[in-house]
């Protein structure tokens, strides 16, 4: 699910799901200085807003890296993954540890928020979620976070020594 420019798995038996096709993924990658040479040649399943209903196959393994934390409807997402897993299949997730990245100040979702998103079949984040994402960000220097230097929490303009931002 969502390999972008860093697919963890490659090979003839691997199929990719993304919210855009390969050409649009290439265009987006150029705009944010990512690695074009690592992009998959083909995106097998394209589902706007992360909708896994377009996947018409089942798999022994579903692998997702840094996706689930952006999913507006966690329960719906897990149900979608369950639908495409073979019996006994495994869902493998790589999820960032918010204590050591720009999400340090971001509040955890509550069970009521998770269930409300599921009941509403939410496909996109709420405005409140977008505002929270933007204004609770801090620097993304893991070493500084390990050292307890978390910076301030006011949007993208935050800076900490070692971020590469010369001010």
C-alpha atoms as a PDB file:
ATOM      1  CA  UNK A   1       0.000   0.000   0.000  1.00  0.00           C
ATOM      2  CA  UNK A   2       1.384   3.364  -1.143  1.00  0.00           C
ATOM      3  CA  UNK A   3       5.012   2.598  -2.077  1.00  0.00           C
ATOM      4  CA  UNK A   4       5.741   6.080  -3.457  1.00  0.00           C
ATOM      5  CA  UNK A   5       9.506   6.232  -4.111  1.00  0.00           C
ATOM      6  CA  UNK A   6      10.550   3.736  -1.455  1.00  0.00           C
ATOM      7  CA  UNK A   7       8.878   0.390  -2.101  1.00  0.00           C
ATOM      8  CA  UNK A   8       9.976  -1.970   0.627  1.00  0.00           C
ATOM      9  CA  UNK A   9       9.021  -4.991  -1.453  1.00  0.00           C
ATOM     10  CA  UNK A  10       9.840  -5.576  -5.116  1.00  0.00           C
ATOM     11  CA  UNK A  11       9.524  -8.473  -7.509  1.00  0.00           C
ATOM     12  CA  UNK A  12       7.247 -10.251  -9.955  1.00  0.00           C
ATOM     13  CA  UNK A  13       4.693 -11.225  -7.306  1.00  0.00           C
ATOM     14  CA  UNK A  14       4.437  -7.761  -5.745  1.00  0.00           C
ATOM     15  CA  UNK A  15       1.496  -5.525  -6.653  1.00  0.00           C
ATOM     16  CA  UNK A  16       1.164  -1.889  -5.667  1.00  0.00           C
ATOM     17  CA  UNK A  17      -1.813   0.143  -4.458  1.00  0.00           C
ATOM     18  CA  UNK A  18      -1.666   3.939  -4.515  1.00  0.00           C
ATOM     19  CA  UNK A  19      -4.054   6.894  -4.607  1.00  0.00           C
ATOM     20  CA  UNK A  20      -2.699   7.959  -8.024  1.00  0.00           C
ATOM     21  CA  UNK A  21      -1.307   6.162 -11.041  1.00  0.00           C
ATOM     22  CA  UNK A  22       2.387   5.837 -11.880  1.00  0.00           C
ATOM     23  CA  UNK A  23       2.530   8.936 -14.107  1.00  0.00           C
ATOM     24  CA  UNK A  24       0.892  11.203 -11.508  1.00  0.00           C
ATOM     25  CA  UNK A  25       3.161   9.700  -8.858  1.00  0.00           C
ATOM     26  CA  UNK A  26       6.197  10.652 -10.958  1.00  0.00           C
ATOM     27  CA  UNK A  27       4.920  14.229 -11.301  1.00  0.00           C
ATOM     28  CA  UNK A  28       4.336  14.514  -7.547  1.00  0.00           C
ATOM     29  CA  UNK A  29       7.762  13.053  -6.824  1.00  0.00           C
ATOM     30  CA  UNK A  30       9.588  15.669  -8.912  1.00  0.00           C
ATOM     31  CA  UNK A  31       7.854  18.458  -6.986  1.00  0.00           C
ATOM     32  CA  UNK A  32       9.114  17.274  -3.605  1.00  0.00           C
ATOM     33  CA  UNK A  33      12.630  16.140  -4.547  1.00  0.00           C
ATOM     34  CA  UNK A  34      12.076  12.395  -4.074  1.00  0.00           C
ATOM     35  CA  UNK A  35      13.881   9.513  -5.824  1.00  0.00           C
ATOM     36  CA  UNK A  36      12.472   9.006  -9.325  1.00  0.00           C
ATOM     37  CA  UNK A  37      14.657   5.959  -9.977  1.00  0.00           C
ATOM     38  CA  UNK A  38      12.987   4.045  -7.120  1.00  0.00           C
ATOM     39  CA  UNK A  39       9.392   4.559  -8.269  1.00  0.00           C
ATOM     40  CA  UNK A  40       7.477   1.455  -9.343  1.00  0.00           C
ATOM     41  CA  UNK A  41       6.995   1.275 -13.109  1.00  0.00           C
ATOM     42  CA  UNK A  42       3.353   0.339 -12.626  1.00  0.00           C
ATOM     43  CA  UNK A  43       0.737   0.942  -9.963  1.00  0.00           C
ATOM     44  CA  UNK A  44      -1.566  -2.076 -10.111  1.00  0.00           C
ATOM     45  CA  UNK A  45      -4.492  -0.656  -8.143  1.00  0.00           C
ATOM     46  CA  UNK A  46      -5.446   3.025  -7.939  1.00  0.00           C
ATOM     47  CA  UNK A  47      -8.010   4.049  -5.343  1.00  0.00           C
ATOM     48  CA  UNK A  48      -8.794   7.685  -4.716  1.00  0.00           C
ATOM     49  CA  UNK A  49      -8.657   8.604  -1.024  1.00  0.00           C
ATOM     50  CA  UNK A  50      -7.060   5.249  -0.187  1.00  0.00           C
ATOM     51  CA  UNK A  51     -10.193   3.241  -1.074  1.00  0.00           C
ATOM     52  CA  UNK A  52      -9.091  -0.406  -1.153  1.00  0.00           C
ATOM     53  CA  UNK A  53     -12.369  -1.527  -2.757  1.00  0.00           C
ATOM     54  CA  UNK A  54     -10.635  -1.286  -6.165  1.00  0.00           C
ATOM     55  CA  UNK A  55      -8.368  -4.194  -5.202  1.00  0.00           C
ATOM     56  CA  UNK A  56      -9.949  -7.285  -6.734  1.00  0.00           C
ATOM     57  CA  UNK A  57      -7.395  -9.841  -5.584  1.00  0.00           C
ATOM     58  CA  UNK A  58      -6.436 -11.427  -2.275  1.00  0.00           C
ATOM     59  CA  UNK A  59      -2.927 -11.681  -0.856  1.00  0.00           C
ATOM     60  CA  UNK A  60      -0.974 -13.629   1.732  1.00  0.00           C
ATOM     61  CA  UNK A  61       0.796 -10.433   2.768  1.00  0.00           C
ATOM     62  CA  UNK A  62      -0.272  -6.794   2.715  1.00  0.00           C
ATOM     63  CA  UNK A  63       2.552  -4.378   3.508  1.00  0.00           C
ATOM     64  CA  UNK A  64       2.074  -0.725   4.345  1.00  0.00           C
ATOM     65  CA  UNK A  65       4.702   1.836   5.268  1.00  0.00           C
ATOM     66  CA  UNK A  66       3.813   5.203   6.803  1.00  0.00           C
ATOM     67  CA  UNK A  67       0.215   5.132   5.569  1.00  0.00           C
ATOM     68  CA  UNK A  68      -2.132   4.098   8.351  1.00  0.00           C
ATOM     69  CA  UNK A  69      -1.420   7.205  10.408  1.00  0.00           C
ATOM     70  CA  UNK A  70      -2.872   9.273   7.515  1.00  0.00           C
ATOM     71  CA  UNK A  71      -6.027   7.176   7.136  1.00  0.00           C
ATOM     72  CA  UNK A  72      -9.193   9.184   7.934  1.00  0.00           C
ATOM     73  CA  UNK A  73     -11.235   6.028   8.663  1.00  0.00           C
ATOM     74  CA  UNK A  74      -9.026   3.572  10.567  1.00  0.00           C
ATOM     75  CA  UNK A  75     -11.743   0.929  11.050  1.00  0.00           C
ATOM     76  CA  UNK A  76     -12.810   1.101   7.396  1.00  0.00           C
ATOM     77  CA  UNK A  77      -9.174   0.789   6.332  1.00  0.00           C
ATOM     78  CA  UNK A  78      -8.632  -2.282   8.501  1.00  0.00           C
ATOM     79  CA  UNK A  79     -11.816  -3.829   7.117  1.00  0.00           C
ATOM     80  CA  UNK A  80     -10.549  -3.165   3.586  1.00  0.00           C
ATOM     81  CA  UNK A  81      -7.230  -4.834   4.353  1.00  0.00           C
ATOM     82  CA  UNK A  82      -9.042  -7.774   5.941  1.00  0.00           C
ATOM     83  CA  UNK A  83     -11.074  -8.189   2.745  1.00  0.00           C
ATOM     84  CA  UNK A  84      -7.966  -8.486   0.544  1.00  0.00           C
ATOM     85  CA  UNK A  85      -6.033 -10.816   2.864  1.00  0.00           C
ATOM     86  CA  UNK A  86      -6.176 -14.565   2.310  1.00  0.00           C
ATOM     87  CA  UNK A  87      -7.168 -16.622   5.352  1.00  0.00           C
ATOM     88  CA  UNK A  88      -4.095 -16.707   7.578  1.00  0.00           C
ATOM     89  CA  UNK A  89      -2.631 -13.701   5.747  1.00  0.00           C
ATOM     90  CA  UNK A  90      -0.573 -11.041   7.488  1.00  0.00           C
ATOM     91  CA  UNK A  91      -0.822  -7.246   7.506  1.00  0.00           C
ATOM     92  CA  UNK A  92       2.625  -5.715   8.109  1.00  0.00           C
ATOM     93  CA  UNK A  93       2.808  -2.054   9.098  1.00  0.00           C
ATOM     94  CA  UNK A  94       5.695   0.354   9.434  1.00  0.00           C
ATOM     95  CA  UNK A  95       4.488   3.271  11.523  1.00  0.00           C
ATOM     96  CA  UNK A  96       6.574   6.256  12.655  1.00  0.00           C
ATOM     97  CA  UNK A  97       7.233   6.727  16.339  1.00  0.00           C
ATOM     98  CA  UNK A  98       5.817  10.210  16.879  1.00  0.00           C
ATOM     99  CA  UNK A  99       8.153  10.787  19.824  1.00  0.00           C
ATOM    100  CA  UNK A 100      11.055  11.153  17.358  1.00  0.00           C
ATOM    101  CA  UNK A 101       9.607  13.058  14.408  1.00  0.00           C
ATOM    102  CA  UNK A 102       7.661  16.181  13.437  1.00  0.00           C
ATOM    103  CA  UNK A 103       4.482  14.709  14.993  1.00  0.00           C
ATOM    104  CA  UNK A 104       5.890  14.988  18.525  1.00  0.00           C
ATOM    105  CA  UNK A 105       3.201  17.474  19.651  1.00  0.00           C
ATOM    106  CA  UNK A 106       0.373  15.968  17.603  1.00  0.00           C
ATOM    107  CA  UNK A 107      -2.415  14.658  19.813  1.00  0.00           C
ATOM    108  CA  UNK A 108      -3.382  10.990  19.679  1.00  0.00           C
ATOM    109  CA  UNK A 109      -6.736  10.081  18.176  1.00  0.00           C
ATOM    110  CA  UNK A 110      -9.396   9.154  20.691  1.00  0.00           C
ATOM    111  CA  UNK A 111     -11.590   6.064  20.346  1.00  0.00           C
ATOM    112  CA  UNK A 112     -14.595   8.357  19.866  1.00  0.00           C
ATOM    113  CA  UNK A 113     -12.858  10.098  16.932  1.00  0.00           C
ATOM    114  CA  UNK A 114     -11.976   6.720  15.383  1.00  0.00           C
ATOM    115  CA  UNK A 115     -15.555   5.453  15.715  1.00  0.00           C
ATOM    116  CA  UNK A 116     -17.041   8.739  14.475  1.00  0.00           C
ATOM    117  CA  UNK A 117     -14.857   8.544  11.344  1.00  0.00           C
ATOM    118  CA  UNK A 118     -15.997   4.962  10.764  1.00  0.00           C
ATOM    119  CA  UNK A 119     -19.688   5.768  11.305  1.00  0.00           C
ATOM    120  CA  UNK A 120     -19.373   8.681   8.872  1.00  0.00           C
ATOM    121  CA  UNK A 121     -17.356   6.618   6.370  1.00  0.00           C
ATOM    122  CA  UNK A 122     -14.876   9.474   6.306  1.00  0.00           C
ATOM    123  CA  UNK A 123     -12.790   9.564   3.106  1.00  0.00           C
ATOM    124  CA  UNK A 124     -10.845  12.766   3.741  1.00  0.00           C
ATOM    125  CA  UNK A 125      -9.536  14.376   6.935  1.00  0.00           C
ATOM    126  CA  UNK A 126     -11.707  16.915   8.730  1.00  0.00           C
ATOM    127  CA  UNK A 127     -10.626  20.559   8.611  1.00  0.00           C
ATOM    128  CA  UNK A 128      -9.766  20.251  12.322  1.00  0.00           C
ATOM    129  CA  UNK A 129      -7.408  17.351  11.501  1.00  0.00           C
ATOM    130  CA  UNK A 130      -5.642  19.376   8.808  1.00  0.00           C
ATOM    131  CA  UNK A 131      -5.242  22.369  11.118  1.00  0.00           C
ATOM    132  CA  UNK A 132      -3.941  20.122  13.895  1.00  0.00           C
ATOM    133  CA  UNK A 133      -1.470  18.509  11.466  1.00  0.00           C
ATOM    134  CA  UNK A 134      -0.108  21.872  10.324  1.00  0.00           C
ATOM    135  CA  UNK A 135       0.050  23.679  13.656  1.00  0.00           C
ATOM    136  CA  UNK A 136       1.353  20.921  15.886  1.00  0.00           C
ATOM    137  CA  UNK A 137       4.349  20.120  13.708  1.00  0.00           C
ATOM    138  CA  UNK A 138       7.892  20.583  14.876  1.00  0.00           C
ATOM    139  CA  UNK A 139      11.307  19.731  13.423  1.00  0.00           C
ATOM    140  CA  UNK A 140      12.014  16.287  11.965  1.00  0.00           C
ATOM    141  CA  UNK A 141      15.495  15.731  13.382  1.00  0.00           C
ATOM    142  CA  UNK A 142      15.283  12.364  15.184  1.00  0.00           C
ATOM    143  CA  UNK A 143      18.607  12.845  16.981  1.00  0.00           C
ATOM    144  CA  UNK A 144      17.418  16.088  18.552  1.00  0.00           C
ATOM    145  CA  UNK A 145      14.174  14.407  19.627  1.00  0.00           C
ATOM    146  CA  UNK A 146      16.209  11.591  21.231  1.00  0.00           C
ATOM    147  CA  UNK A 147      18.141  14.300  23.086  1.00  0.00           C
ATOM    148  CA  UNK A 148      14.883  15.840  24.329  1.00  0.00           C
ATOM    149  CA  UNK A 149      15.063  18.914  22.073  1.00  0.00           C
ATOM    150  CA  UNK A 150      11.597  18.970  20.541  1.00  0.00           C
ATOM    151  CA  UNK A 151      11.343  22.571  19.380  1.00  0.00           C
ATOM    152  CA  UNK A 152       8.159  24.597  19.395  1.00  0.00           C
ATOM    153  CA  UNK A 153       4.880  23.454  17.921  1.00  0.00           C
ATOM    154  CA  UNK A 154       3.771  26.170  15.541  1.00  0.00           C
ATOM    155  CA  UNK A 155       3.582  24.936  11.983  1.00  0.00           C
ATOM    156  CA  UNK A 156       6.158  24.415   9.282  1.00  0.00           C
ATOM    157  CA  UNK A 157       8.229  27.438  10.234  1.00  0.00           C
ATOM    158  CA  UNK A 158       9.807  25.630  13.157  1.00  0.00           C
ATOM    159  CA  UNK A 159      13.496  25.171  13.124  1.00  0.00           C
ATOM    160  CA  UNK A 160      16.034  23.411  15.252  1.00  0.00           C
ATOM    161  CA  UNK A 161      19.818  23.142  14.881  1.00  0.00           C
ATOM    162  CA  UNK A 162      20.654  20.465  12.350  1.00  0.00           C
ATOM    163  CA  UNK A 163      17.458  20.823  10.312  1.00  0.00           C
ATOM    164  CA  UNK A 164      19.451  22.339   7.458  1.00  0.00           C
ATOM    165  CA  UNK A 165      17.501  25.571   7.552  1.00  0.00           C
ATOM    166  CA  UNK A 166      19.919  28.492   7.715  1.00  0.00           C
ATOM    167  CA  UNK A 167      18.274  31.367   9.554  1.00  0.00           C
END
